[in-house]
């Protein structure tokens, strides 16, 4: 199925896309510029919150367990006339965007990808059919980026001109950023929002303003050469394999030379391409995978903290506790108690 952002605010078309009707008008939002879709098919809960803030600003926040609905998990989109920015946060579940005449954009779990599409670009999106997923997407015209950030073009760093330049680009451009835990919290707050009507709209807008501000500040601090990097399909596929290898080796990452040999690219291409695609270094990605695994185990079952530290290759429990606390701001015991 092919859709546009505007189409999803048409109730019958939204129902055809999501497989369930949006909640009745007034239950969550006062008008059809905000819709909430909920379903539970064969024990697989699905939740999508859609909102249009302005004609040039949309947001979509969703979650599903354990797999996306068919049309949500694999669909096509043709970008409306004029350029659009897509700020995509994946808190869980992998995906990929295929755009004509451009390298595939991998969207690994726990990633932040910023893409600028030229008007008329056709996108094929595929999400993993087996992973639980949690995502947030903010769509803005360049003028809306300036308006939402309350800034001017003259104050935007040169390497971020792709976010605000009102002109037209001939080919998509994208870059990756580390996923900040404050972004994660903001997305969770949207999905768990208890408000209705105008209060809900104001709350959701405030969370997306926070997300945009966090993304922009992180991008400002990036080296200019890291923005807008294009990768060949071969390199993209190799880096995707490298990320999977690293994520599976939680007790020992292995050397960069070893990983590069296994995926068939040079160490230099691995390190530069990994940062461009994943928004972080190989080592930092591995450390984050370890901590995410530890957090999930602590929240889901009764594994002993000392046993978990050993599984992750820590010789001392204290070292594991320090690393965990630096990552999440809570000790392993506090995280278990909180959940």
Protein backbone atom coordinates (compact mmCIF):
# COMPACT_ATOMS: atom_id res chain seq x y z
CA UNK A 1 0.00 0.00 0.00
CA UNK A 2 1.18 3.51 -0.76
CA UNK A 3 0.31 6.40 1.54
CA UNK A 4 1.05 10.03 2.28
CA UNK A 5 1.19 11.70 5.69
CA UNK A 6 -1.96 13.68 4.99
CA UNK A 7 -3.85 10.54 3.93
CA UNK A 8 -3.57 9.04 7.41
CA UNK A 9 -5.79 11.75 8.85
CA UNK A 10 -8.65 10.50 6.69
CA UNK A 11 -10.41 8.04 9.01
CA UNK A 12 -11.44 5.43 6.39
CA UNK A 13 -7.96 5.48 4.84
CA UNK A 14 -6.31 5.28 8.26
CA UNK A 15 -8.48 2.26 9.09
CA UNK A 16 -7.50 0.58 5.81
CA UNK A 17 -3.81 1.19 6.56
CA UNK A 18 -3.79 0.16 10.22
CA UNK A 19 -6.42 -2.55 10.01
CA UNK A 20 -8.41 -1.00 12.88
CA UNK A 21 -10.57 2.15 13.08
CA UNK A 22 -9.19 5.17 14.94
CA UNK A 23 -10.69 5.77 18.36
CA UNK A 24 -13.90 7.80 18.26
CA UNK A 25 -13.56 11.57 17.82
CA UNK A 26 -13.16 13.35 21.14
CA UNK A 27 -11.84 10.40 23.11
CA UNK A 28 -8.24 11.54 22.74
CA UNK A 29 -8.24 14.57 20.43
CA UNK A 30 -10.94 17.12 19.70
CA UNK A 31 -10.63 16.89 15.92
CA UNK A 32 -9.30 14.64 13.19
CA UNK A 33 -5.97 16.47 13.13
CA UNK A 34 -5.14 14.06 15.93
CA UNK A 35 -5.96 10.34 15.85
CA UNK A 36 -5.23 7.36 18.08
CA UNK A 37 -5.43 3.79 16.76
CA UNK A 38 -5.39 0.80 19.10
CA UNK A 39 -5.80 -2.87 18.34
CA UNK A 40 -5.00 -6.29 19.74
CA UNK A 41 -4.87 -8.95 17.05
CA UNK A 42 -4.05 -12.49 18.14
CA UNK A 43 -2.57 -11.13 21.34
CA UNK A 44 -0.38 -8.60 19.53
CA UNK A 45 -1.16 -5.12 20.88
CA UNK A 46 -0.69 -2.14 18.57
CA UNK A 47 -0.83 1.57 19.40
CA UNK A 48 -0.38 4.53 17.04
CA UNK A 49 -0.72 8.21 17.95
CA UNK A 50 -0.93 10.56 14.95
CA UNK A 51 -1.01 14.33 15.17
CA UNK A 52 -0.70 17.28 12.80
CA UNK A 53 0.58 20.40 14.56
CA UNK A 54 0.62 22.64 11.47
CA UNK A 55 0.25 22.10 7.70
CA UNK A 56 4.02 21.52 7.56
CA UNK A 57 4.45 19.50 10.76
CA UNK A 58 3.31 15.94 11.56
CA UNK A 59 4.21 13.41 14.23
CA UNK A 60 3.59 9.67 14.47
CA UNK A 61 4.33 7.66 17.60
CA UNK A 62 3.74 3.92 17.69
CA UNK A 63 4.39 0.62 19.38
CA UNK A 64 3.60 -2.99 18.57
CA UNK A 65 4.36 -6.41 20.04
CA UNK A 66 5.76 -8.60 18.71
CA UNK A 67 5.42 -7.52 15.09
CA UNK A 68 4.00 -4.66 13.02
CA UNK A 69 0.71 -5.04 11.19
CA UNK A 70 1.19 -6.08 7.53
CA UNK A 71 0.76 -2.67 5.89
CA UNK A 72 2.60 -0.89 8.69
CA UNK A 73 5.49 -3.33 8.47
CA UNK A 74 5.93 -3.03 4.69
CA UNK A 75 4.62 -0.07 2.74
CA UNK A 76 5.47 2.60 0.21
CA UNK A 77 5.34 6.36 0.55
CA UNK A 78 5.66 9.08 -2.06
CA UNK A 79 6.81 12.34 -0.50
CA UNK A 80 4.48 15.24 -1.19
CA UNK A 81 5.75 18.11 -3.36
CA UNK A 82 8.54 20.07 -1.75
CA UNK A 83 11.30 18.83 0.54
CA UNK A 84 10.56 17.23 3.93
CA UNK A 85 12.72 16.36 6.95
CA UNK A 86 12.08 13.07 8.75
CA UNK A 87 13.39 12.68 12.30
CA UNK A 88 13.02 8.97 13.07
CA UNK A 89 13.62 7.46 16.50
CA UNK A 90 13.59 3.68 16.84
CA UNK A 91 13.46 2.62 20.47
CA UNK A 92 12.90 -0.99 19.51
CA UNK A 93 12.70 -3.06 16.32
CA UNK A 94 14.79 -2.79 13.18
CA UNK A 95 13.81 -1.29 9.85
CA UNK A 96 15.20 -0.20 6.51
CA UNK A 97 14.27 2.49 3.99
CA UNK A 98 14.95 1.91 0.31
CA UNK A 99 14.89 5.10 -1.78
CA UNK A 100 15.38 5.13 -5.53
CA UNK A 101 18.93 6.07 -6.61
CA UNK A 102 20.14 6.30 -3.01
CA UNK A 103 21.81 3.95 -0.54
CA UNK A 104 19.45 1.98 1.67
CA UNK A 105 19.06 3.59 5.08
CA UNK A 106 19.34 1.04 7.85
CA UNK A 107 17.35 1.84 10.99
CA UNK A 108 18.65 -0.40 13.76
CA UNK A 109 16.95 -0.70 17.10
CA UNK A 110 17.78 2.21 19.41
CA UNK A 111 18.81 4.64 16.70
CA UNK A 112 18.05 8.19 15.61
CA UNK A 113 18.10 8.85 11.86
CA UNK A 114 17.56 12.26 10.26
CA UNK A 115 16.69 12.23 6.56
CA UNK A 116 15.85 14.96 4.08
CA UNK A 117 13.75 13.78 1.14
CA UNK A 118 13.26 15.74 -2.08
CA UNK A 119 9.66 16.17 -3.14
CA UNK A 120 8.44 13.22 -5.16
CA UNK A 121 10.87 10.72 -3.62
CA UNK A 122 9.40 7.23 -3.37
CA UNK A 123 10.29 5.25 -0.25
CA UNK A 124 9.89 1.56 0.49
CA UNK A 125 9.88 0.79 4.22
CA UNK A 126 10.32 -2.63 5.74
CA UNK A 127 10.26 -3.37 9.47
CA UNK A 128 11.41 -6.58 11.11
CA UNK A 129 8.44 -8.99 11.26
CA UNK A 130 9.58 -10.61 14.49
CA UNK A 131 10.75 -7.79 16.76
CA UNK A 132 8.64 -5.79 19.14
CA UNK A 133 8.93 -2.18 18.06
CA UNK A 134 8.52 1.34 19.44
CA UNK A 135 9.04 4.35 17.19
CA UNK A 136 8.55 8.08 16.89
CA UNK A 137 8.62 10.09 13.65
CA UNK A 138 8.58 13.85 13.30
CA UNK A 139 7.98 15.23 9.78
CA UNK A 140 8.80 18.90 9.16
CA UNK A 141 9.31 21.20 6.21
CA UNK A 142 12.59 23.16 6.50
CA UNK A 143 10.66 26.31 7.41
CA UNK A 144 8.96 24.44 10.24
CA UNK A 145 12.34 23.38 11.64
CA UNK A 146 13.32 27.04 11.95
CA UNK A 147 9.96 27.93 13.45
CA UNK A 148 9.92 25.11 15.98
CA UNK A 149 13.50 25.85 17.08
CA UNK A 150 12.74 29.59 17.16
CA UNK A 151 15.92 30.42 15.29
CA UNK A 152 17.03 31.86 11.95
CA UNK A 153 19.11 30.46 9.08
CA UNK A 154 22.01 32.75 9.95
CA UNK A 155 22.29 31.08 13.38
CA UNK A 156 22.29 27.51 12.06
CA UNK A 157 25.77 25.95 11.58
CA UNK A 158 26.77 25.44 7.96
CA UNK A 159 26.94 21.67 8.29
CA UNK A 160 23.26 21.63 9.30
CA UNK A 161 21.98 23.73 6.43
CA UNK A 162 20.21 20.64 5.05
CA UNK A 163 17.76 20.98 7.96
CA UNK A 164 16.66 24.51 7.16
CA UNK A 165 17.57 25.40 3.57
CA UNK A 166 14.25 26.25 1.88
CA UNK A 167 15.55 25.19 -1.56
CA UNK A 168 15.20 21.84 -3.28
CA UNK A 169 17.73 19.00 -3.08
CA UNK A 170 18.14 16.53 -5.94
CA UNK A 171 18.95 13.48 -3.85
CA UNK A 172 18.09 12.44 -0.28
CA UNK A 173 20.58 13.06 2.48
CA UNK A 174 20.72 11.51 5.92
CA UNK A 175 22.82 11.21 9.07
CA UNK A 176 22.66 9.21 12.29
CA UNK A 177 22.87 10.27 15.92
CA UNK A 178 23.16 8.40 19.22
CA UNK A 179 19.78 7.83 20.85
CA UNK A 180 19.66 10.00 23.97
CA UNK A 181 17.81 8.53 26.96
CA UNK A 182 15.91 11.82 27.25
CA UNK A 183 14.54 11.20 23.76
CA UNK A 184 13.44 7.73 24.87
CA UNK A 185 11.67 9.18 27.90
CA UNK A 186 9.87 11.78 25.76
CA UNK A 187 8.59 9.09 23.36
CA UNK A 188 7.41 6.93 26.25
CA UNK A 189 5.56 9.92 27.69
CA UNK A 190 3.70 10.44 24.40
CA UNK A 191 2.63 6.81 24.24
CA UNK A 192 1.59 6.84 27.90
CA UNK A 193 -0.03 10.31 27.79
CA UNK A 194 -3.12 10.34 30.07
CA UNK A 195 -4.58 13.62 28.76
CA UNK A 196 -7.31 14.32 26.22
CA UNK A 197 -8.38 17.19 23.97
CA UNK A 198 -6.33 20.37 23.81
CA UNK A 199 -4.31 19.37 26.85
CA UNK A 200 -3.17 16.22 25.06
CA UNK A 201 -2.26 18.17 21.94
CA UNK A 202 -0.22 20.67 23.98
CA UNK A 203 1.53 17.87 25.89
CA UNK A 204 2.43 15.86 22.77
CA UNK A 205 3.65 19.00 21.03
CA UNK A 206 5.89 19.84 24.00
CA UNK A 207 7.44 16.37 23.96
CA UNK A 208 8.21 16.61 20.24
CA UNK A 209 9.70 20.07 20.69
CA UNK A 210 11.96 18.52 23.32
CA UNK A 211 12.92 15.68 20.96
CA UNK A 212 13.70 18.12 18.15
CA UNK A 213 15.79 20.30 20.48
CA UNK A 214 17.79 17.27 21.66
CA UNK A 215 18.39 16.09 18.10
CA UNK A 216 19.42 19.54 16.93
CA UNK A 217 21.83 20.09 19.82
CA UNK A 218 23.42 16.67 19.25
CA UNK A 219 23.77 17.46 15.53
CA UNK A 220 25.33 20.87 16.29
CA UNK A 221 28.04 19.08 18.26
CA UNK A 222 28.75 16.58 15.46
CA UNK A 223 31.74 17.10 13.18
CA UNK A 224 30.56 18.66 9.94
CA UNK A 225 31.94 15.80 7.85
CA UNK A 226 29.69 13.33 9.72
CA UNK A 227 26.51 14.90 8.36
CA UNK A 228 25.05 13.83 5.05
CA UNK A 229 27.36 10.84 4.50
CA UNK A 230 26.26 8.44 1.73
CA UNK A 231 27.32 4.80 1.83
CA UNK A 232 27.35 2.18 -0.89
CA UNK A 233 24.93 -0.72 -0.57
CA UNK A 234 27.87 -3.10 0.03
CA UNK A 235 29.22 -0.99 2.90
CA UNK A 236 25.76 -0.50 4.39
CA UNK A 237 25.13 -4.24 4.37
CA UNK A 238 28.58 -4.93 5.88
CA UNK A 239 28.03 -2.42 8.68
CA UNK A 240 24.58 -3.86 9.38
CA UNK A 241 26.19 -7.30 9.74
CA UNK A 242 28.89 -5.82 11.96
CA UNK A 243 26.24 -4.28 14.23
CA UNK A 244 24.49 -7.64 14.51
CA UNK A 245 27.79 -9.39 15.33
CA UNK A 246 28.66 -6.84 17.99
CA UNK A 247 25.20 -7.03 19.55
CA UNK A 248 25.49 -10.83 19.80
CA UNK A 249 28.89 -10.79 21.55
CA UNK A 250 28.04 -9.16 24.82
CA UNK A 251 30.88 -10.71 26.81
CA UNK A 252 33.65 -9.84 24.34
CA UNK A 253 33.39 -7.53 21.35
CA UNK A 254 36.58 -8.61 19.60
CA UNK A 255 39.00 -6.29 17.83
CA UNK A 256 38.00 -3.91 15.05
CA UNK A 257 40.34 -5.77 12.70
CA UNK A 258 38.54 -9.05 13.46
CA UNK A 259 35.12 -7.55 12.89
CA UNK A 260 36.20 -5.86 9.66
CA UNK A 261 37.57 -9.15 8.29
CA UNK A 262 34.36 -11.00 9.18
CA UNK A 263 32.13 -8.55 7.30
CA UNK A 264 34.50 -8.06 4.37
CA UNK A 265 35.52 -4.39 4.58
CA UNK A 266 38.58 -2.52 5.79
CA UNK A 267 38.95 -1.36 9.38
CA UNK A 268 38.92 2.26 8.22
CA UNK A 269 35.69 1.80 6.25
CA UNK A 270 34.18 -0.03 9.22
CA UNK A 271 34.96 2.72 11.72
CA UNK A 272 33.98 5.64 9.49
CA UNK A 273 30.95 3.94 7.99
CA UNK A 274 29.72 2.65 11.35
CA UNK A 275 29.71 6.12 12.84
CA UNK A 276 27.98 7.57 9.77
CA UNK A 277 25.27 4.89 9.72
CA UNK A 278 24.82 4.14 13.42
CA UNK A 279 25.66 7.56 14.82
CA UNK A 280 28.27 6.21 17.23
CA UNK A 281 31.49 4.21 17.36
CA UNK A 282 31.62 0.40 17.26
CA UNK A 283 32.85 0.30 20.84
CA UNK A 284 30.16 2.66 22.14
CA UNK A 285 27.48 0.68 20.29
CA UNK A 286 28.74 -2.55 21.89
CA UNK A 287 28.73 -1.00 25.36
CA UNK A 288 25.19 0.29 24.84
CA UNK A 289 24.03 -3.16 23.67
CA UNK A 290 25.47 -4.71 26.83
CA UNK A 291 23.72 -2.20 29.04
CA UNK A 292 20.41 -2.53 27.17
CA UNK A 293 20.59 -6.31 27.59
CA UNK A 294 21.34 -5.90 31.29
CA UNK A 295 18.44 -3.50 31.77
CA UNK A 296 16.01 -5.82 29.99
CA UNK A 297 17.13 -8.86 32.01
CA UNK A 298 16.83 -6.94 35.26
CA UNK A 299 13.33 -5.80 34.37
CA UNK A 300 12.04 -9.08 32.94
CA UNK A 301 13.26 -11.81 35.28
CA UNK A 302 15.00 -12.58 38.55
CA UNK A 303 18.54 -13.19 37.32
CA UNK A 304 21.08 -12.46 40.04
CA UNK A 305 22.96 -9.23 39.42
CA UNK A 306 26.31 -10.95 39.98
CA UNK A 307 25.40 -13.68 37.50
CA UNK A 308 24.37 -11.06 34.94
CA UNK A 309 27.70 -9.24 35.38
CA UNK A 310 29.56 -12.50 34.68
CA UNK A 311 27.47 -13.18 31.55
CA UNK A 312 28.53 -9.78 30.23
CA UNK A 313 32.21 -10.45 30.83
CA UNK A 314 32.74 -8.29 33.93
CA UNK A 315 35.34 -9.68 36.32
CA UNK A 316 33.99 -7.56 39.17
CA UNK A 317 30.41 -6.73 40.12
CA UNK A 318 31.46 -3.21 41.08
CA UNK A 319 32.70 -2.49 37.54
CA UNK A 320 29.37 -3.64 36.09
CA UNK A 321 27.41 -1.53 38.57
CA UNK A 322 29.43 1.59 37.75
CA UNK A 323 28.96 1.11 34.00
CA UNK A 324 25.23 0.51 34.41
CA UNK A 325 24.78 3.57 36.63
CA UNK A 326 26.69 5.80 34.19
CA UNK A 327 24.40 4.66 31.38
CA UNK A 328 20.98 4.86 33.01
CA UNK A 329 21.46 7.06 36.07
CA UNK A 330 20.25 4.20 38.28
CA UNK A 331 22.10 1.28 39.85
CA UNK A 332 21.12 -2.25 38.77
CA UNK A 333 19.24 -2.75 42.04
CA UNK A 334 17.42 0.58 41.68
CA UNK A 335 16.42 -0.31 38.11
CA UNK A 336 15.02 -3.65 39.25
CA UNK A 337 13.08 -1.98 42.07
CA UNK A 338 11.76 0.76 39.77
CA UNK A 339 10.33 -1.73 37.26
